[in-house]
């Protein structure tokens, strides 16, 4: 799993936990809805500016969001080594 894919999964989970659609999140973060979709699908990388736009809306710090991404990547690496 690539970092972009892990970030996308975390972003989607956080967005859904807040009960937001991609369109609502994009509107509140001053982003395009298709950009949010690309991020969630791991097809684009978020910039620092984007992370700082998303975090207050999702009510999570940038460091906590990236910590979740890092944990997901570590878990995947550990699981693939056990195979």
C-alpha atoms as a PDB file:
ATOM      1  CA  UNK A   1       0.000   0.000   0.000  1.00  0.00           C
ATOM      2  CA  UNK A   2       1.263   3.426  -0.925  1.00  0.00           C
ATOM      3  CA  UNK A   3       1.069   6.429   1.383  1.00  0.00           C
ATOM      4  CA  UNK A   4      -1.520   8.075  -0.882  1.00  0.00           C
ATOM      5  CA  UNK A   5      -3.811   5.066  -0.575  1.00  0.00           C
ATOM      6  CA  UNK A   6      -3.443   4.948   3.208  1.00  0.00           C
ATOM      7  CA  UNK A   7      -4.155   8.682   3.440  1.00  0.00           C
ATOM      8  CA  UNK A   8      -7.208   8.247   1.244  1.00  0.00           C
ATOM      9  CA  UNK A   9      -8.617   5.552   3.488  1.00  0.00           C
ATOM     10  CA  UNK A  10      -8.057   7.660   6.594  1.00  0.00           C
ATOM     11  CA  UNK A  11      -9.578  10.728   4.952  1.00  0.00           C
ATOM     12  CA  UNK A  12     -12.687   8.787   3.886  1.00  0.00           C
ATOM     13  CA  UNK A  13     -13.134   7.311   7.374  1.00  0.00           C
ATOM     14  CA  UNK A  14     -12.751  10.696   9.076  1.00  0.00           C
ATOM     15  CA  UNK A  15     -15.140  12.337   6.624  1.00  0.00           C
ATOM     16  CA  UNK A  16     -17.777   9.651   7.142  1.00  0.00           C
ATOM     17  CA  UNK A  17     -17.381   9.840  10.934  1.00  0.00           C
ATOM     18  CA  UNK A  18     -18.280  13.529  10.682  1.00  0.00           C
ATOM     19  CA  UNK A  19     -21.277  12.667   8.486  1.00  0.00           C
ATOM     20  CA  UNK A  20     -20.011  14.766   5.586  1.00  0.00           C
ATOM     21  CA  UNK A  21     -20.312  14.099   1.887  1.00  0.00           C
ATOM     22  CA  UNK A  22     -17.322  14.697  -0.354  1.00  0.00           C
ATOM     23  CA  UNK A  23     -19.097  17.774  -1.646  1.00  0.00           C
ATOM     24  CA  UNK A  24     -19.703  19.175   1.851  1.00  0.00           C
ATOM     25  CA  UNK A  25     -16.091  18.574   2.871  1.00  0.00           C
ATOM     26  CA  UNK A  26     -14.791  20.160  -0.305  1.00  0.00           C
ATOM     27  CA  UNK A  27     -17.039  23.193   0.096  1.00  0.00           C
ATOM     28  CA  UNK A  28     -16.002  23.784   3.715  1.00  0.00           C
ATOM     29  CA  UNK A  29     -12.298  23.282   2.891  1.00  0.00           C
ATOM     30  CA  UNK A  30     -12.451  25.454  -0.238  1.00  0.00           C
ATOM     31  CA  UNK A  31     -11.457  22.507  -2.443  1.00  0.00           C
ATOM     32  CA  UNK A  32     -12.964  20.892  -5.524  1.00  0.00           C
ATOM     33  CA  UNK A  33     -15.129  17.827  -4.899  1.00  0.00           C
ATOM     34  CA  UNK A  34     -13.267  15.847  -7.540  1.00  0.00           C
ATOM     35  CA  UNK A  35      -9.980  16.628  -5.743  1.00  0.00           C
ATOM     36  CA  UNK A  36     -11.386  15.166  -2.519  1.00  0.00           C
ATOM     37  CA  UNK A  37     -12.448  12.106  -4.515  1.00  0.00           C
ATOM     38  CA  UNK A  38      -8.954  11.741  -5.987  1.00  0.00           C
ATOM     39  CA  UNK A  39      -7.430  12.014  -2.525  1.00  0.00           C
ATOM     40  CA  UNK A  40      -9.762   9.372  -1.106  1.00  0.00           C
ATOM     41  CA  UNK A  41      -8.974   6.997  -3.950  1.00  0.00           C
ATOM     42  CA  UNK A  42      -5.232   7.475  -3.466  1.00  0.00           C
ATOM     43  CA  UNK A  43      -4.828   8.955  -6.935  1.00  0.00           C
ATOM     44  CA  UNK A  44      -3.469  12.288  -5.745  1.00  0.00           C
ATOM     45  CA  UNK A  45      -1.199  13.482  -2.931  1.00  0.00           C
ATOM     46  CA  UNK A  46      -2.386  16.073  -0.449  1.00  0.00           C
ATOM     47  CA  UNK A  47      -0.268  19.161   0.029  1.00  0.00           C
ATOM     48  CA  UNK A  48       0.506  20.604   3.437  1.00  0.00           C
ATOM     49  CA  UNK A  49      -1.877  23.432   2.639  1.00  0.00           C
ATOM     50  CA  UNK A  50      -4.624  20.898   1.940  1.00  0.00           C
ATOM     51  CA  UNK A  51      -3.947  19.012   5.171  1.00  0.00           C
ATOM     52  CA  UNK A  52      -4.315  22.215   7.149  1.00  0.00           C
ATOM     53  CA  UNK A  53      -7.577  23.014   5.341  1.00  0.00           C
ATOM     54  CA  UNK A  54      -9.055  19.574   6.050  1.00  0.00           C
ATOM     55  CA  UNK A  55      -8.001  19.048   9.664  1.00  0.00           C
ATOM     56  CA  UNK A  56     -10.195  21.684  11.372  1.00  0.00           C
ATOM     57  CA  UNK A  57     -13.256  20.553   9.423  1.00  0.00           C
ATOM     58  CA  UNK A  58     -12.616  16.932  10.383  1.00  0.00           C
ATOM     59  CA  UNK A  59     -11.832  18.062  13.956  1.00  0.00           C
ATOM     60  CA  UNK A  60      -8.514  16.242  14.031  1.00  0.00           C
ATOM     61  CA  UNK A  61      -4.979  17.603  14.109  1.00  0.00           C
ATOM     62  CA  UNK A  62      -2.754  17.179  11.097  1.00  0.00           C
ATOM     63  CA  UNK A  63      -0.349  15.164  13.235  1.00  0.00           C
ATOM     64  CA  UNK A  64      -3.135  12.816  14.385  1.00  0.00           C
ATOM     65  CA  UNK A  65      -4.330  12.364  10.802  1.00  0.00           C
ATOM     66  CA  UNK A  66      -0.819  11.553   9.590  1.00  0.00           C
ATOM     67  CA  UNK A  67      -0.296   9.298  12.609  1.00  0.00           C
ATOM     68  CA  UNK A  68      -3.282   7.237  11.484  1.00  0.00           C
ATOM     69  CA  UNK A  69      -1.806   7.026   7.983  1.00  0.00           C
ATOM     70  CA  UNK A  70       1.563   5.948   9.370  1.00  0.00           C
ATOM     71  CA  UNK A  71      -0.042   3.286  11.583  1.00  0.00           C
ATOM     72  CA  UNK A  72      -1.937   1.899   8.613  1.00  0.00           C
ATOM     73  CA  UNK A  73       1.268   1.682   6.562  1.00  0.00           C
ATOM     74  CA  UNK A  74       3.166   0.003   9.396  1.00  0.00           C
ATOM     75  CA  UNK A  75       0.344  -2.498   9.910  1.00  0.00           C
ATOM     76  CA  UNK A  76       0.399  -3.365   6.181  1.00  0.00           C
ATOM     77  CA  UNK A  77       4.177  -3.819   6.170  1.00  0.00           C
ATOM     78  CA  UNK A  78       4.024  -6.034   9.242  1.00  0.00           C
ATOM     79  CA  UNK A  79       1.225  -8.135   7.762  1.00  0.00           C
ATOM     80  CA  UNK A  80       3.067  -8.587   4.457  1.00  0.00           C
ATOM     81  CA  UNK A  81       6.261  -9.695   6.257  1.00  0.00           C
ATOM     82  CA  UNK A  82       4.323 -12.439   8.077  1.00  0.00           C
ATOM     83  CA  UNK A  83       3.227 -14.005   4.796  1.00  0.00           C
END
